[in-house]
Amino acid sequence: MLDYESSNDSSTAIFAFLAGALIGAGVAMLLAPRSGVETRQWITDYADKAKDQMDTAIQSGKEYLQTGIDRGKEYLEGAQSKFKETGDNMARHAEKAYNRGPQKG
C-alpha cells in the first residue's frame, strides 16, 4: 500500500541531497584555483550530470506514482465488486422475506 509518510520522507531526502549538491558545487567553484575556461567547462559538465540525475529521479517518481495509482484502482475495483456482491445478497434476502410474508411470532 502507498505510504504517504515514507514518500514524503523520500522527497525530502531527494530535495536535501540536491540542495547539498548545489551548495557544495558553489563552494567548490569559489575555492577552486581554475581558469575561467576550466571553470565554465566544469560547470557545464556538472550541470549535465545534475540534469541526468534529475531526469532519472523524475522517471523513478513517475513509476512510483503510477504503481500507487494502479494499486489504488485495484483496491477500488475490489471494493466495488464486494459492495455489489453484498448489495445483491441483501436484495435476495429482502425479496425472500417479502415473498414469505409477515411472520407470525
PDB file of N, CA and C in Angstrom:
ATOM      1  N   MET A   1       0.850  -1.183   0.000  1.00  0.00           N
ATOM      2  CA  MET A   1       0.000   0.000   0.000  1.00  0.00           C
ATOM      3  C   MET A   1       0.885   1.232   0.000  1.00  0.00           C
ATOM      4  N   LEU A   2       0.451   2.292  -0.630  1.00  0.00           N
ATOM      5  CA  LEU A   2       1.209   3.525  -0.748  1.00  0.00           C
ATOM      6  C   LEU A   2       1.232   4.223   0.598  1.00  0.00           C
ATOM      7  N   ASP A   3       2.414   4.502   1.098  1.00  0.00           N
ATOM      8  CA  ASP A   3       2.571   5.134   2.394  1.00  0.00           C
ATOM      9  C   ASP A   3       2.977   6.582   2.184  1.00  0.00           C
ATOM     10  N   TYR A   4       2.074   7.516   2.504  1.00  0.00           N
ATOM     11  CA  TYR A   4       2.321   8.927   2.249  1.00  0.00           C
ATOM     12  C   TYR A   4       3.530   9.417   3.024  1.00  0.00           C
ATOM     13  N   GLU A   5       3.657   8.989   4.283  1.00  0.00           N
ATOM     14  CA  GLU A   5       4.761   9.489   5.094  1.00  0.00           C
ATOM     15  C   GLU A   5       6.103   9.073   4.529  1.00  0.00           C
ATOM     16  N   SER A   6       6.267   7.830   4.080  1.00  0.00           N
ATOM     17  CA  SER A   6       7.555   7.400   3.541  1.00  0.00           C
ATOM     18  C   SER A   6       7.833   8.076   2.211  1.00  0.00           C
ATOM     19  N   SER A   7       6.800   8.337   1.390  1.00  0.00           N
ATOM     20  CA  SER A   7       7.033   9.042   0.133  1.00  0.00           C
ATOM     21  C   SER A   7       7.397  10.495   0.407  1.00  0.00           C
ATOM     22  N   ASN A   8       6.840  11.076   1.468  1.00  0.00           N
ATOM     23  CA  ASN A   8       7.179  12.438   1.844  1.00  0.00           C
ATOM     24  C   ASN A   8       8.626  12.483   2.337  1.00  0.00           C
ATOM     25  N   ASP A   9       9.052  11.486   3.112  1.00  0.00           N
ATOM     26  CA  ASP A   9      10.433  11.405   3.570  1.00  0.00           C
ATOM     27  C   ASP A   9      11.381  11.262   2.394  1.00  0.00           C
ATOM     28  N   SER A  10      10.997  10.504   1.392  1.00  0.00           N
ATOM     29  CA  SER A  10      11.827  10.307   0.209  1.00  0.00           C
ATOM     30  C   SER A  10      12.002  11.615  -0.551  1.00  0.00           C
ATOM     31  N   SER A  11      10.921  12.356  -0.729  1.00  0.00           N
ATOM     32  CA  SER A  11      11.027  13.619  -1.463  1.00  0.00           C
ATOM     33  C   SER A  11      11.854  14.624  -0.672  1.00  0.00           C
ATOM     34  N   THR A  12      11.756  14.602   0.650  1.00  0.00           N
ATOM     35  CA  THR A  12      12.568  15.487   1.478  1.00  0.00           C
ATOM     36  C   THR A  12      14.037  15.116   1.341  1.00  0.00           C
ATOM     37  N   ALA A  13      14.327  13.831   1.322  1.00  0.00           N
ATOM     38  CA  ALA A  13      15.714  13.382   1.191  1.00  0.00           C
ATOM     39  C   ALA A  13      16.285  13.770  -0.171  1.00  0.00           C
ATOM     40  N   ILE A  14      15.496  13.623  -1.218  1.00  0.00           N
ATOM     41  CA  ILE A  14      15.956  13.999  -2.562  1.00  0.00           C
ATOM     42  C   ILE A  14      16.226  15.501  -2.617  1.00  0.00           C
ATOM     43  N   PHE A  15      15.301  16.291  -2.061  1.00  0.00           N
ATOM     44  CA  PHE A  15      15.490  17.738  -2.051  1.00  0.00           C
ATOM     45  C   PHE A  15      16.737  18.114  -1.272  1.00  0.00           C
ATOM     46  N   ALA A  16      16.949  17.498  -0.105  1.00  0.00           N
ATOM     47  CA  ALA A  16      18.128  17.795   0.708  1.00  0.00           C
ATOM     48  C   ALA A  16      19.409  17.432  -0.040  1.00  0.00           C
ATOM     49  N   PHE A  17      19.393  16.299  -0.720  1.00  0.00           N
ATOM     50  CA  PHE A  17      20.567  15.890  -1.495  1.00  0.00           C
ATOM     51  C   PHE A  17      20.880  16.899  -2.590  1.00  0.00           C
ATOM     52  N   LEU A  18      19.854  17.292  -3.339  1.00  0.00           N
ATOM     53  CA  LEU A  18      20.067  18.246  -4.433  1.00  0.00           C
ATOM     54  C   LEU A  18      20.523  19.604  -3.918  1.00  0.00           C
ATOM     55  N   ALA A  19      19.930  20.057  -2.817  1.00  0.00           N
ATOM     56  CA  ALA A  19      20.339  21.340  -2.241  1.00  0.00           C
ATOM     57  C   ALA A  19      21.794  21.268  -1.782  1.00  0.00           C
ATOM     58  N   GLY A  20      22.155  20.172  -1.148  1.00  0.00           N
ATOM     59  CA  GLY A  20      23.546  19.996  -0.711  1.00  0.00           C
ATOM     60  C   GLY A  20      24.505  19.949  -1.879  1.00  0.00           C
ATOM     61  N   ALA A  21      24.102  19.294  -2.929  1.00  0.00           N
ATOM     62  CA  ALA A  21      24.962  19.210  -4.117  1.00  0.00           C
ATOM     63  C   ALA A  21      25.181  20.587  -4.729  1.00  0.00           C
ATOM     64  N   LEU A  22      24.111  21.382  -4.811  1.00  0.00           N
ATOM     65  CA  LEU A  22      24.240  22.729  -5.374  1.00  0.00           C
ATOM     66  C   LEU A  22      25.112  23.625  -4.491  1.00  0.00           C
ATOM     67  N   ILE A  23      24.924  23.552  -3.200  1.00  0.00           N
ATOM     68  CA  ILE A  23      25.738  24.355  -2.280  1.00  0.00           C
ATOM     69  C   ILE A  23      27.195  23.929  -2.370  1.00  0.00           C
ATOM     70  N   GLY A  24      27.425  22.625  -2.378  1.00  0.00           N
ATOM     71  CA  GLY A  24      28.795  22.114  -2.497  1.00  0.00           C
ATOM     72  C   GLY A  24      29.445  22.539  -3.800  1.00  0.00           C
ATOM     73  N   ALA A  25      28.688  22.523  -4.877  1.00  0.00           N
ATOM     74  CA  ALA A  25      29.230  22.941  -6.171  1.00  0.00           C
ATOM     75  C   ALA A  25      29.586  24.422  -6.144  1.00  0.00           C
ATOM     76  N   GLY A  26      28.739  25.226  -5.526  1.00  0.00           N
ATOM     77  CA  GLY A  26      29.021  26.662  -5.436  1.00  0.00           C
ATOM     78  C   GLY A  26      30.274  26.949  -4.633  1.00  0.00           C
ATOM     79  N   VAL A  27      30.414  26.287  -3.510  1.00  0.00           N
ATOM     80  CA  VAL A  27      31.610  26.476  -2.685  1.00  0.00           C
ATOM     81  C   VAL A  27      32.844  26.000  -3.435  1.00  0.00           C
ATOM     82  N   ALA A  28      32.750  24.868  -4.102  1.00  0.00           N
ATOM     83  CA  ALA A  28      33.887  24.344  -4.858  1.00  0.00           C
ATOM     84  C   ALA A  28      34.309  25.315  -5.949  1.00  0.00           C
ATOM     85  N   MET A  29      33.362  25.939  -6.613  1.00  0.00           N
ATOM     86  CA  MET A  29      33.701  26.896  -7.683  1.00  0.00           C
ATOM     87  C   MET A  29      34.413  28.112  -7.114  1.00  0.00           C
ATOM     88  N   LEU A  30      33.957  28.560  -5.943  1.00  0.00           N
ATOM     89  CA  LEU A  30      34.570  29.744  -5.347  1.00  0.00           C
ATOM     90  C   LEU A  30      35.992  29.473  -4.848  1.00  0.00           C
ATOM     91  N   LEU A  31      36.230  28.278  -4.392  1.00  0.00           N
ATOM     92  CA  LEU A  31      37.519  27.965  -3.787  1.00  0.00           C
ATOM     93  C   LEU A  31      38.501  27.295  -4.743  1.00  0.00           C
ATOM     94  N   ALA A  32      38.049  26.820  -5.864  1.00  0.00           N
ATOM     95  CA  ALA A  32      38.917  26.083  -6.786  1.00  0.00           C
ATOM     96  C   ALA A  32      39.804  27.039  -7.586  1.00  0.00           C
ATOM     97  N   PRO A  33      41.102  26.741  -7.644  1.00  0.00           N
ATOM     98  CA  PRO A  33      42.008  27.583  -8.430  1.00  0.00           C
ATOM     99  C   PRO A  33      41.999  27.158  -9.900  1.00  0.00           C
ATOM    100  N   ARG A  34      40.966  27.552 -10.628  1.00  0.00           N
ATOM    101  CA  ARG A  34      40.839  27.202 -12.043  1.00  0.00           C
ATOM    102  C   ARG A  34      40.745  28.478 -12.868  1.00  0.00           C
ATOM    103  N   SER A  35      41.062  28.316 -14.119  1.00  0.00           N
ATOM    104  CA  SER A  35      40.865  29.440 -15.035  1.00  0.00           C
ATOM    105  C   SER A  35      39.385  29.549 -15.370  1.00  0.00           C
ATOM    106  N   GLY A  36      39.006  30.656 -15.986  1.00  0.00           N
ATOM    107  CA  GLY A  36      37.614  30.861 -16.369  1.00  0.00           C
ATOM    108  C   GLY A  36      37.116  29.803 -17.330  1.00  0.00           C
ATOM    109  N   VAL A  37      37.953  29.431 -18.309  1.00  0.00           N
ATOM    110  CA  VAL A  37      37.566  28.409 -19.282  1.00  0.00           C
ATOM    111  C   VAL A  37      37.354  27.071 -18.583  1.00  0.00           C
ATOM    112  N   GLU A  38      38.267  26.722 -17.697  1.00  0.00           N
ATOM    113  CA  GLU A  38      38.149  25.442 -16.970  1.00  0.00           C
ATOM    114  C   GLU A  38      36.906  25.446 -16.078  1.00  0.00           C
ATOM    115  N   THR A  39      36.669  26.560 -15.419  1.00  0.00           N
ATOM    116  CA  THR A  39      35.503  26.648 -14.530  1.00  0.00           C
ATOM    117  C   THR A  39      34.211  26.531 -15.322  1.00  0.00           C
ATOM    118  N   ARG A  40      34.113  27.204 -16.466  1.00  0.00           N
ATOM    119  CA  ARG A  40      32.916  27.111 -17.302  1.00  0.00           C
ATOM    120  C   ARG A  40      32.695  25.678 -17.785  1.00  0.00           C
ATOM    121  N   GLN A  41      33.771  25.012 -18.186  1.00  0.00           N
ATOM    122  CA  GLN A  41      33.647  23.622 -18.636  1.00  0.00           C
ATOM    123  C   GLN A  41      33.183  22.725 -17.491  1.00  0.00           C
ATOM    124  N   TRP A  42      33.749  22.964 -16.303  1.00  0.00           N
ATOM    125  CA  TRP A  42      33.380  22.176 -15.126  1.00  0.00           C
ATOM    126  C   TRP A  42      31.900  22.392 -14.797  1.00  0.00           C
ATOM    127  N   ILE A  43      31.450  23.647 -14.885  1.00  0.00           N
ATOM    128  CA  ILE A  43      30.032  23.957 -14.612  1.00  0.00           C
ATOM    129  C   ILE A  43      29.135  23.259 -15.632  1.00  0.00           C
ATOM    130  N   THR A  44      29.529  23.299 -16.900  1.00  0.00           N
ATOM    131  CA  THR A  44      28.752  22.643 -17.952  1.00  0.00           C
ATOM    132  C   THR A  44      28.659  21.141 -17.698  1.00  0.00           C
ATOM    133  N   ASP A  45      29.773  20.521 -17.379  1.00  0.00           N
ATOM    134  CA  ASP A  45      29.787  19.085 -17.098  1.00  0.00           C
ATOM    135  C   ASP A  45      28.921  18.758 -15.880  1.00  0.00           C
ATOM    136  N   TYR A  46      29.070  19.578 -14.837  1.00  0.00           N
ATOM    137  CA  TYR A  46      28.313  19.353 -13.612  1.00  0.00           C
ATOM    138  C   TYR A  46      26.814  19.513 -13.880  1.00  0.00           C
ATOM    139  N   ALA A  47      26.442  20.520 -14.644  1.00  0.00           N
ATOM    140  CA  ALA A  47      25.026  20.742 -14.963  1.00  0.00           C
ATOM    141  C   ALA A  47      24.462  19.579 -15.772  1.00  0.00           C
ATOM    142  N   ASP A  48      25.256  19.058 -16.704  1.00  0.00           N
ATOM    143  CA  ASP A  48      24.799  17.905 -17.490  1.00  0.00           C
ATOM    144  C   ASP A  48      24.565  16.687 -16.598  1.00  0.00           C
ATOM    145  N   LYS A  49      25.490  16.449 -15.666  1.00  0.00           N
ATOM    146  CA  LYS A  49      25.328  15.316 -14.743  1.00  0.00           C
ATOM    147  C   LYS A  49      24.100  15.524 -13.851  1.00  0.00           C
ATOM    148  N   ALA A  50      23.939  16.750 -13.358  1.00  0.00           N
ATOM    149  CA  ALA A  50      22.793  17.039 -12.489  1.00  0.00           C
ATOM    150  C   ALA A  50      21.483  16.845 -13.252  1.00  0.00           C
ATOM    151  N   LYS A  51      21.443  17.270 -14.502  1.00  0.00           N
ATOM    152  CA  LYS A  51      20.250  17.093 -15.325  1.00  0.00           C
ATOM    153  C   LYS A  51      19.942  15.615 -15.509  1.00  0.00           C
ATOM    154  N   ASP A  52      20.968  14.823 -15.799  1.00  0.00           N
ATOM    155  CA  ASP A  52      20.755  13.382 -15.961  1.00  0.00           C
ATOM    156  C   ASP A  52      20.216  12.763 -14.673  1.00  0.00           C
ATOM    157  N   GLN A  53      20.772  13.178 -13.531  1.00  0.00           N
ATOM    158  CA  GLN A  53      20.302  12.651 -12.250  1.00  0.00           C
ATOM    159  C   GLN A  53      18.856  13.063 -11.983  1.00  0.00           C
ATOM    160  N   MET A  54      18.513  14.310 -12.303  1.00  0.00           N
ATOM    161  CA  MET A  54      17.126  14.766 -12.114  1.00  0.00           C
ATOM    162  C   MET A  54      16.174  14.009 -13.036  1.00  0.00           C
ATOM    163  N   ASP A  55      16.581  13.790 -14.284  1.00  0.00           N
ATOM    164  CA  ASP A  55      15.736  13.033 -15.208  1.00  0.00           C
ATOM    165  C   ASP A  55      15.477  11.633 -14.672  1.00  0.00           C
ATOM    166  N   THR A  56      16.519  11.007 -14.143  1.00  0.00           N
ATOM    167  CA  THR A  56      16.381   9.670 -13.565  1.00  0.00           C
ATOM    168  C   THR A  56      15.452   9.702 -12.351  1.00  0.00           C
ATOM    169  N   ALA A  57      15.632  10.698 -11.485  1.00  0.00           N
ATOM    170  CA  ALA A  57      14.789  10.811 -10.286  1.00  0.00           C
ATOM    171  C   ALA A  57      13.333  11.063 -10.671  1.00  0.00           C
ATOM    172  N   ILE A  58      13.106  11.894 -11.670  1.00  0.00           N
ATOM    173  CA  ILE A  58      11.737  12.180 -12.119  1.00  0.00           C
ATOM    174  C   ILE A  58      11.097  10.924 -12.695  1.00  0.00           C
ATOM    175  N   GLN A  59      11.848  10.180 -13.495  1.00  0.00           N
ATOM    176  CA  GLN A  59      11.309   8.947 -14.073  1.00  0.00           C
ATOM    177  C   GLN A  59      10.957   7.945 -12.976  1.00  0.00           C
ATOM    178  N   SER A  60      11.848   7.821 -11.979  1.00  0.00           N
ATOM    179  CA  SER A  60      11.565   6.914 -10.859  1.00  0.00           C
ATOM    180  C   SER A  60      10.313   7.359 -10.113  1.00  0.00           C
ATOM    181  N   GLY A  61      10.179   8.664  -9.914  1.00  0.00           N
ATOM    182  CA  GLY A  61       8.994   9.187  -9.235  1.00  0.00           C
ATOM    183  C   GLY A  61       7.722   8.908 -10.008  1.00  0.00           C
ATOM    184  N   LYS A  62       7.779   9.057 -11.325  1.00  0.00           N
ATOM    185  CA  LYS A  62       6.601   8.764 -12.164  1.00  0.00           C
ATOM    186  C   LYS A  62       6.219   7.295 -12.057  1.00  0.00           C
ATOM    187  N   GLU A  63       7.222   6.416 -12.083  1.00  0.00           N
ATOM    188  CA  GLU A  63       6.941   4.983 -11.987  1.00  0.00           C
ATOM    189  C   GLU A  63       6.346   4.646 -10.622  1.00  0.00           C
ATOM    190  N   TYR A  64       6.895   5.243  -9.562  1.00  0.00           N
ATOM    191  CA  TYR A  64       6.395   5.018  -8.204  1.00  0.00           C
ATOM    192  C   TYR A  64       4.941   5.496  -8.101  1.00  0.00           C
ATOM    193  N   LEU A  65       4.667   6.666  -8.646  1.00  0.00           N
ATOM    194  CA  LEU A  65       3.316   7.207  -8.624  1.00  0.00           C
ATOM    195  C   LEU A  65       2.355   6.335  -9.423  1.00  0.00           C
ATOM    196  N   GLN A  66       2.781   5.872 -10.596  1.00  0.00           N
ATOM    197  CA  GLN A  66       1.920   5.023 -11.425  1.00  0.00           C
ATOM    198  C   GLN A  66       1.611   3.708 -10.705  1.00  0.00           C
ATOM    199  N   THR A  67       2.597   3.152 -10.011  1.00  0.00           N
ATOM    200  CA  THR A  67       2.369   1.935  -9.238  1.00  0.00           C
ATOM    201  C   THR A  67       1.307   2.182  -8.171  1.00  0.00           C
ATOM    202  N   GLY A  68       1.402   3.320  -7.493  1.00  0.00           N
ATOM    203  CA  GLY A  68       0.403   3.668  -6.477  1.00  0.00           C
ATOM    204  C   GLY A  68      -0.982   3.836  -7.073  1.00  0.00           C
ATOM    205  N   ILE A  69      -1.054   4.473  -8.217  1.00  0.00           N
ATOM    206  CA  ILE A  69      -2.343   4.664  -8.889  1.00  0.00           C
ATOM    207  C   ILE A  69      -2.932   3.312  -9.288  1.00  0.00           C
ATOM    208  N   ASP A  70      -2.103   2.445  -9.846  1.00  0.00           N
ATOM    209  CA  ASP A  70      -2.581   1.126 -10.258  1.00  0.00           C
ATOM    210  C   ASP A  70      -3.091   0.327  -9.065  1.00  0.00           C
ATOM    211  N   ARG A  71      -2.366   0.371  -7.960  1.00  0.00           N
ATOM    212  CA  ARG A  71      -2.807  -0.341  -6.754  1.00  0.00           C
ATOM    213  C   ARG A  71      -4.123   0.233  -6.245  1.00  0.00           C
ATOM    214  N   GLY A  72      -4.235   1.550  -6.264  1.00  0.00           N
ATOM    215  CA  GLY A  72      -5.475   2.189  -5.823  1.00  0.00           C
ATOM    216  C   GLY A  72      -6.662   1.752  -6.665  1.00  0.00           C
ATOM    217  N   LYS A  73      -6.447   1.666  -7.968  1.00  0.00           N
ATOM    218  CA  LYS A  73      -7.523   1.213  -8.865  1.00  0.00           C
ATOM    219  C   LYS A  73      -7.916  -0.222  -8.550  1.00  0.00           C
ATOM    220  N   GLU A  74      -6.918  -1.076  -8.289  1.00  0.00           N
ATOM    221  CA  GLU A  74      -7.214  -2.473  -7.955  1.00  0.00           C
ATOM    222  C   GLU A  74      -8.037  -2.557  -6.669  1.00  0.00           C
ATOM    223  N   TYR A  75      -7.647  -1.796  -5.649  1.00  0.00           N
ATOM    224  CA  TYR A  75      -8.386  -1.804  -4.385  1.00  0.00           C
ATOM    225  C   TYR A  75      -9.802  -1.284  -4.590  1.00  0.00           C
ATOM    226  N   LEU A  76      -9.952  -0.235  -5.383  1.00  0.00           N
ATOM    227  CA  LEU A  76     -11.274   0.326  -5.644  1.00  0.00           C
ATOM    228  C   LEU A  76     -12.157  -0.669  -6.387  1.00  0.00           C
ATOM    229  N   GLU A  77     -11.611  -1.323  -7.397  1.00  0.00           N
ATOM    230  CA  GLU A  77     -12.387  -2.321  -8.137  1.00  0.00           C
ATOM    231  C   GLU A  77     -12.802  -3.466  -7.224  1.00  0.00           C
ATOM    232  N   GLY A  78     -11.899  -3.905  -6.350  1.00  0.00           N
ATOM    233  CA  GLY A  78     -12.235  -4.970  -5.405  1.00  0.00           C
ATOM    234  C   GLY A  78     -13.326  -4.540  -4.445  1.00  0.00           C
ATOM    235  N   ALA A  79     -13.237  -3.305  -3.963  1.00  0.00           N
ATOM    236  CA  ALA A  79     -14.259  -2.801  -3.043  1.00  0.00           C
ATOM    237  C   ALA A  79     -15.599  -2.665  -3.747  1.00  0.00           C
ATOM    238  N   GLN A  80     -15.589  -2.185  -4.986  1.00  0.00           N
ATOM    239  CA  GLN A  80     -16.841  -2.057  -5.739  1.00  0.00           C
ATOM    240  C   GLN A  80     -17.473  -3.424  -5.959  1.00  0.00           C
ATOM    241  N   SER A  81     -16.654  -4.400  -6.289  1.00  0.00           N
ATOM    242  CA  SER A  81     -17.153  -5.753  -6.517  1.00  0.00           C
ATOM    243  C   SER A  81     -17.770  -6.314  -5.235  1.00  0.00           C
ATOM    244  N   LYS A  82     -17.067  -6.128  -4.113  1.00  0.00           N
ATOM    245  CA  LYS A  82     -17.566  -6.624  -2.824  1.00  0.00           C
ATOM    246  C   LYS A  82     -18.859  -5.909  -2.444  1.00  0.00           C
ATOM    247  N   PHE A  83     -18.915  -4.607  -2.684  1.00  0.00           N
ATOM    248  CA  PHE A  83     -20.111  -3.835  -2.379  1.00  0.00           C
ATOM    249  C   PHE A  83     -21.300  -4.328  -3.203  1.00  0.00           C
ATOM    250  N   LYS A  84     -21.067  -4.566  -4.501  1.00  0.00           N
ATOM    251  CA  LYS A  84     -22.132  -5.055  -5.375  1.00  0.00           C
ATOM    252  C   LYS A  84     -22.591  -6.439  -4.916  1.00  0.00           C
ATOM    253  N   GLU A  85     -21.642  -7.297  -4.590  1.00  0.00           N
ATOM    254  CA  GLU A  85     -21.979  -8.650  -4.127  1.00  0.00           C
ATOM    255  C   GLU A  85     -22.813  -8.584  -2.848  1.00  0.00           C
ATOM    256  N   THR A  86     -22.411  -7.735  -1.923  1.00  0.00           N
ATOM    257  CA  THR A  86     -23.144  -7.595  -0.662  1.00  0.00           C
ATOM    258  C   THR A  86     -24.545  -7.047  -0.918  1.00  0.00           C
ATOM    259  N   GLY A  87     -24.634  -6.037  -1.793  1.00  0.00           N
ATOM    260  CA  GLY A  87     -25.946  -5.465  -2.130  1.00  0.00           C
ATOM    261  C   GLY A  87     -26.853  -6.486  -2.787  1.00  0.00           C
ATOM    262  N   ASP A  88     -26.288  -7.298  -3.690  1.00  0.00           N
ATOM    263  CA  ASP A  88     -27.087  -8.338  -4.358  1.00  0.00           C
ATOM    264  C   ASP A  88     -27.589  -9.355  -3.339  1.00  0.00           C
ATOM    265  N   ASN A  89     -26.729  -9.758  -2.397  1.00  0.00           N
ATOM    266  CA  ASN A  89     -27.141 -10.712  -1.361  1.00  0.00           C
ATOM    267  C   ASN A  89     -28.247 -10.132  -0.493  1.00  0.00           C
ATOM    268  N   MET A  90     -28.120  -8.873  -0.132  1.00  0.00           N
ATOM    269  CA  MET A  90     -29.140  -8.238   0.700  1.00  0.00           C
ATOM    270  C   MET A  90     -30.460  -8.148  -0.058  1.00  0.00           C
ATOM    271  N   ALA A  91     -30.389  -7.857  -1.347  1.00  0.00           N
ATOM    272  CA  ALA A  91     -31.607  -7.760  -2.154  1.00  0.00           C
ATOM    273  C   ALA A  91     -32.302  -9.119  -2.240  1.00  0.00           C
ATOM    274  N   ARG A  92     -31.531 -10.189  -2.426  1.00  0.00           N
ATOM    275  CA  ARG A  92     -32.134 -11.530  -2.491  1.00  0.00           C
ATOM    276  C   ARG A  92     -32.807 -11.896  -1.164  1.00  0.00           C
ATOM    277  N   HIS A  93     -32.129 -11.589  -0.053  1.00  0.00           N
ATOM    278  CA  HIS A  93     -32.706 -11.892   1.261  1.00  0.00           C
ATOM    279  C   HIS A  93     -33.973 -11.066   1.497  1.00  0.00           C
ATOM    280  N   ALA A  94     -33.951  -9.825   1.097  1.00  0.00           N
ATOM    281  CA  ALA A  94     -35.132  -8.973   1.274  1.00  0.00           C
ATOM    282  C   ALA A  94     -36.292  -9.485   0.426  1.00  0.00           C
ATOM    283  N   GLU A  95     -35.993  -9.917  -0.808  1.00  0.00           N
ATOM    284  CA  GLU A  95     -37.042 -10.430  -1.680  1.00  0.00           C
ATOM    285  C   GLU A  95     -37.644 -11.714  -1.098  1.00  0.00           C
ATOM    286  N   LYS A  96     -36.781 -12.616  -0.582  1.00  0.00           N
ATOM    287  CA  LYS A  96     -37.296 -13.851   0.031  1.00  0.00           C
ATOM    288  C   LYS A  96     -38.182 -13.530   1.229  1.00  0.00           C
ATOM    289  N   ALA A  97     -37.722 -12.595   2.040  1.00  0.00           N
ATOM    290  CA  ALA A  97     -38.504 -12.232   3.228  1.00  0.00           C
ATOM    291  C   ALA A  97     -39.839 -11.618   2.827  1.00  0.00           C
ATOM    292  N   TYR A  98     -39.840 -10.818   1.796  1.00  0.00           N
ATOM    293  CA  TYR A  98     -41.083 -10.197   1.317  1.00  0.00           C
ATOM    294  C   TYR A  98     -42.036 -11.261   0.784  1.00  0.00           C
ATOM    295  N   ASN A  99     -41.484 -12.214   0.027  1.00  0.00           N
ATOM    296  CA  ASN A  99     -42.322 -13.275  -0.562  1.00  0.00           C
ATOM    297  C   ASN A  99     -42.905 -14.203   0.497  1.00  0.00           C
ATOM    298  N   ARG A 100     -42.202 -14.373   1.602  1.00  0.00           N
ATOM    299  CA  ARG A 100     -42.726 -15.218   2.686  1.00  0.00           C
ATOM    300  C   ARG A 100     -43.879 -14.544   3.387  1.00  0.00           C
ATOM    301  N   GLY A 101     -43.917 -13.261   3.338  1.00  0.00           N
ATOM    302  CA  GLY A 101     -44.969 -12.515   4.021  1.00  0.00           C
ATOM    303  C   GLY A 101     -44.640 -12.318   5.484  1.00  0.00           C
ATOM    304  N   PRO A 102     -45.575 -11.725   6.186  1.00  0.00           N
ATOM    305  CA  PRO A 102     -45.325 -11.467   7.612  1.00  0.00           C
ATOM    306  C   PRO A 102     -45.212 -12.762   8.388  1.00  0.00           C
ATOM    307  N   GLN A 103     -44.269 -12.788   9.277  1.00  0.00           N
ATOM    308  CA  GLN A 103     -44.056 -13.955  10.153  1.00  0.00           C
ATOM    309  C   GLN A 103     -44.941 -13.790  11.389  1.00  0.00           C
ATOM    310  N   LYS A 104     -45.565 -14.883  11.740  1.00  0.00           N
ATOM    311  CA  LYS A 104     -46.384 -14.829  12.958  1.00  0.00           C
ATOM    312  C   LYS A 104     -45.523 -15.313  14.099  1.00  0.00           C
ATOM    313  N   GLY A 105     -45.360 -14.488  15.050  1.00  0.00           N
ATOM    314  CA  GLY A 105     -44.427 -14.782  16.093  1.00  0.00           C
ATOM    315  C   GLY A 105     -45.018 -15.151  17.325  1.00  0.00           C
TER     316      GLY A 105
END
